[in-house]
C-alpha atoms as a PDB file:
ATOM      1  CA  UNK A   1     -72.761  41.517-178.160  1.00  0.00           C
ATOM      2  CA  UNK A   2     -75.239  39.311-179.923  1.00  0.00           C
ATOM      3  CA  UNK A   3     -77.468  40.531-182.619  1.00  0.00           C
ATOM      4  CA  UNK A   4     -80.893  41.532-181.169  1.00  0.00           C
ATOM      5  CA  UNK A   5     -82.644  39.740-184.034  1.00  0.00           C
ATOM      6  CA  UNK A   6     -80.740  36.584-183.170  1.00  0.00           C
ATOM      7  CA  UNK A   7     -81.767  36.826-179.522  1.00  0.00           C
ATOM      8  CA  UNK A   8     -85.393  37.231-180.559  1.00  0.00           C
ATOM      9  CA  UNK A   9     -85.187  34.123-182.749  1.00  0.00           C
ATOM     10  CA  UNK A  10     -83.656  32.166-179.881  1.00  0.00           C
ATOM     11  CA  UNK A  11     -86.449  33.255-177.536  1.00  0.00           C
ATOM     12  CA  UNK A  12     -89.128  32.289-180.029  1.00  0.00           C
ATOM     13  CA  UNK A  13     -87.431  28.954-180.709  1.00  0.00           C
ATOM     14  CA  UNK A  14     -87.111  28.231-176.973  1.00  0.00           C
ATOM     15  CA  UNK A  15     -90.763  29.097-176.363  1.00  0.00           C
ATOM     16  CA  UNK A  16     -91.847  26.893-179.247  1.00  0.00           C
ATOM     17  CA  UNK A  17     -89.713  24.035-177.943  1.00  0.00           C
ATOM     18  CA  UNK A  18     -91.237  24.409-174.454  1.00  0.00           C
ATOM     19  CA  UNK A  19     -94.758  24.368-175.914  1.00  0.00           C
ATOM     20  CA  UNK A  20     -93.917  21.275-177.948  1.00  0.00           C
ATOM     21  CA  UNK A  21     -92.582  19.523-174.840  1.00  0.00           C
ATOM     22  CA  UNK A  22     -95.718  20.425-172.867  1.00  0.00           C
ATOM     23  CA  UNK A  23     -97.962  19.054-175.603  1.00  0.00           C
ATOM     24  CA  UNK A  24     -95.881  15.890-175.864  1.00  0.00           C
ATOM     25  CA  UNK A  25     -96.061  15.415-172.073  1.00  0.00           C
ATOM     26  CA  UNK A  26     -99.822  15.985-172.103  1.00  0.00           C
ATOM     27  CA  UNK A  27    -100.200  13.397-174.890  1.00  0.00           C
ATOM     28  CA  UNK A  28     -98.166  10.901-172.885  1.00  0.00           C
ATOM     29  CA  UNK A  29    -100.282  11.522-169.786  1.00  0.00           C
ATOM     30  CA  UNK A  30    -103.519  11.092-171.746  1.00  0.00           C
ATOM     31  CA  UNK A  31    -102.234   7.856-173.284  1.00  0.00           C
ATOM     32  CA  UNK A  32    -101.313   6.482-169.848  1.00  0.00           C
ATOM     33  CA  UNK A  33    -104.735   7.437-168.460  1.00  0.00           C
ATOM     34  CA  UNK A  34    -106.493   5.688-171.351  1.00  0.00           C
ATOM     35  CA  UNK A  35    -104.419   2.562-170.791  1.00  0.00           C
ATOM     36  CA  UNK A  36    -105.332   2.634-167.086  1.00  0.00           C
ATOM     37  CA  UNK A  37    -109.028   2.966-167.899  1.00  0.00           C
ATOM     38  CA  UNK A  38    -108.834   0.190-170.475  1.00  0.00           C
ATOM     39  CA  UNK A  39    -107.089  -2.109-167.983  1.00  0.00           C
ATOM     40  CA  UNK A  40    -109.742  -1.367-165.370  1.00  0.00           C
ATOM     41  CA  UNK A  41    -112.542  -2.010-167.856  1.00  0.00           C
ATOM     42  CA  UNK A  42    -110.969  -5.283-168.971  1.00  0.00           C
ATOM     43  CA  UNK A  43    -110.624  -6.426-165.357  1.00  0.00           C
ATOM     44  CA  UNK A  44    -114.232  -5.469-164.618  1.00  0.00           C
ATOM     45  CA  UNK A  45    -115.499  -7.378-167.659  1.00  0.00           C
ATOM     46  CA  UNK A  46    -113.453 -10.453-166.705  1.00  0.00           C
ATOM     47  CA  UNK A  47    -114.843 -10.351-163.161  1.00  0.00           C
ATOM     48  CA  UNK A  48    -118.430 -10.032-164.382  1.00  0.00           C
ATOM     49  CA  UNK A  49    -117.925 -12.884-166.847  1.00  0.00           C
ATOM     50  CA  UNK A  50    -116.526 -15.119-164.102  1.00  0.00           C
ATOM     51  CA  UNK A  51    -119.491 -14.297-161.862  1.00  0.00           C
ATOM     52  CA  UNK A  52    -121.959 -15.007-164.677  1.00  0.00           C
ATOM     53  CA  UNK A  53    -120.322 -18.343-165.512  1.00  0.00           C
ATOM     54  CA  UNK A  54    -120.308 -19.342-161.838  1.00  0.00           C
ATOM     55  CA  UNK A  55    -124.006 -18.464-161.526  1.00  0.00           C
ATOM     56  CA  UNK A  56    -124.865 -20.410-164.677  1.00  0.00           C
ATOM     57  CA  UNK A  57    -122.982 -23.456-163.354  1.00  0.00           C
ATOM     58  CA  UNK A  58    -124.773 -23.144-160.005  1.00  0.00           C
ATOM     59  CA  UNK A  59    -128.150 -22.857-161.740  1.00  0.00           C
ATOM     60  CA  UNK A  60    -127.406 -25.925-163.869  1.00  0.00           C
ATOM     61  CA  UNK A  61    -126.457 -27.971-160.797  1.00  0.00           C
ATOM     62  CA  UNK A  62    -129.657 -26.870-159.056  1.00  0.00           C
ATOM     63  CA  UNK A  63    -131.754 -27.700-162.129  1.00  0.00           C
ATOM     64  CA  UNK A  64    -130.127 -31.140-162.436  1.00  0.00           C
ATOM     65  CA  UNK A  65    -130.751 -31.838-158.745  1.00  0.00           C
ATOM     66  CA  UNK A  66    -134.374 -30.733-159.144  1.00  0.00           C
ATOM     67  CA  UNK A  67    -134.807 -33.000-162.166  1.00  0.00           C
ATOM     68  CA  UNK A  68    -133.420 -35.959-160.222  1.00  0.00           C
ATOM     69  CA  UNK A  69    -135.587 -35.250-157.195  1.00  0.00           C
ATOM     70  CA  UNK A  70    -138.763 -34.785-159.216  1.00  0.00           C
ATOM     71  CA  UNK A  71    -138.611 -36.951-162.323  1.00  0.00           C
ATOM     72  CA  UNK A  72    -141.212 -36.119-164.924  1.00  0.00           C
ATOM     73  CA  UNK A  73    -144.393 -38.128-164.519  1.00  0.00           C
ATOM     74  CA  UNK A  74    -145.340 -40.437-167.304  1.00  0.00           C
ATOM     75  CA  UNK A  75    -148.427 -39.385-169.096  1.00  0.00           C
ATOM     76  CA  UNK A  76    -151.279 -41.819-168.954  1.00  0.00           C
ATOM     77  CA  UNK A  77    -152.152 -43.203-172.312  1.00  0.00           C
ATOM     78  CA  UNK A  78    -155.808 -42.751-173.026  1.00  0.00           C
ATOM     79  CA  UNK A  79    -157.457 -46.011-173.921  1.00  0.00           C
ATOM     80  CA  UNK A  80    -159.737 -45.878-176.850  1.00  0.00           C
ATOM     81  CA  UNK A  81    -163.196 -47.183-176.288  1.00  0.00           C
ATOM     82  CA  UNK A  82    -164.308 -49.585-178.890  1.00  0.00           C
ATOM     83  CA  UNK A  83    -167.966 -49.315-179.514  1.00  0.00           C
ATOM     84  CA  UNK A  84    -169.580 -52.178-181.406  1.00  0.00           C
ATOM     85  CA  UNK A  85    -172.875 -51.351-182.952  1.00  0.00           C
ATOM     86  CA  UNK A  86    -175.140 -54.187-183.635  1.00  0.00           C
END
């Protein structure tokens, strides 16, 4: 038969190995979840940027059309009155 002290060491070693594997698996799962969240955030930011750029382009087109439709009026130049005193 095996030495009881040896069996105890094997049990402790096996338990420690199982705990290590659980921690390693948990770390891997957390890393994957973070990557998923980062990918989702990046996609959301890209979508919002595209929407903002499209809106800015639309606003510029509308402003250009408005400027063409209503050109700025020329300001009347005030004529100076010349007063001759005799």
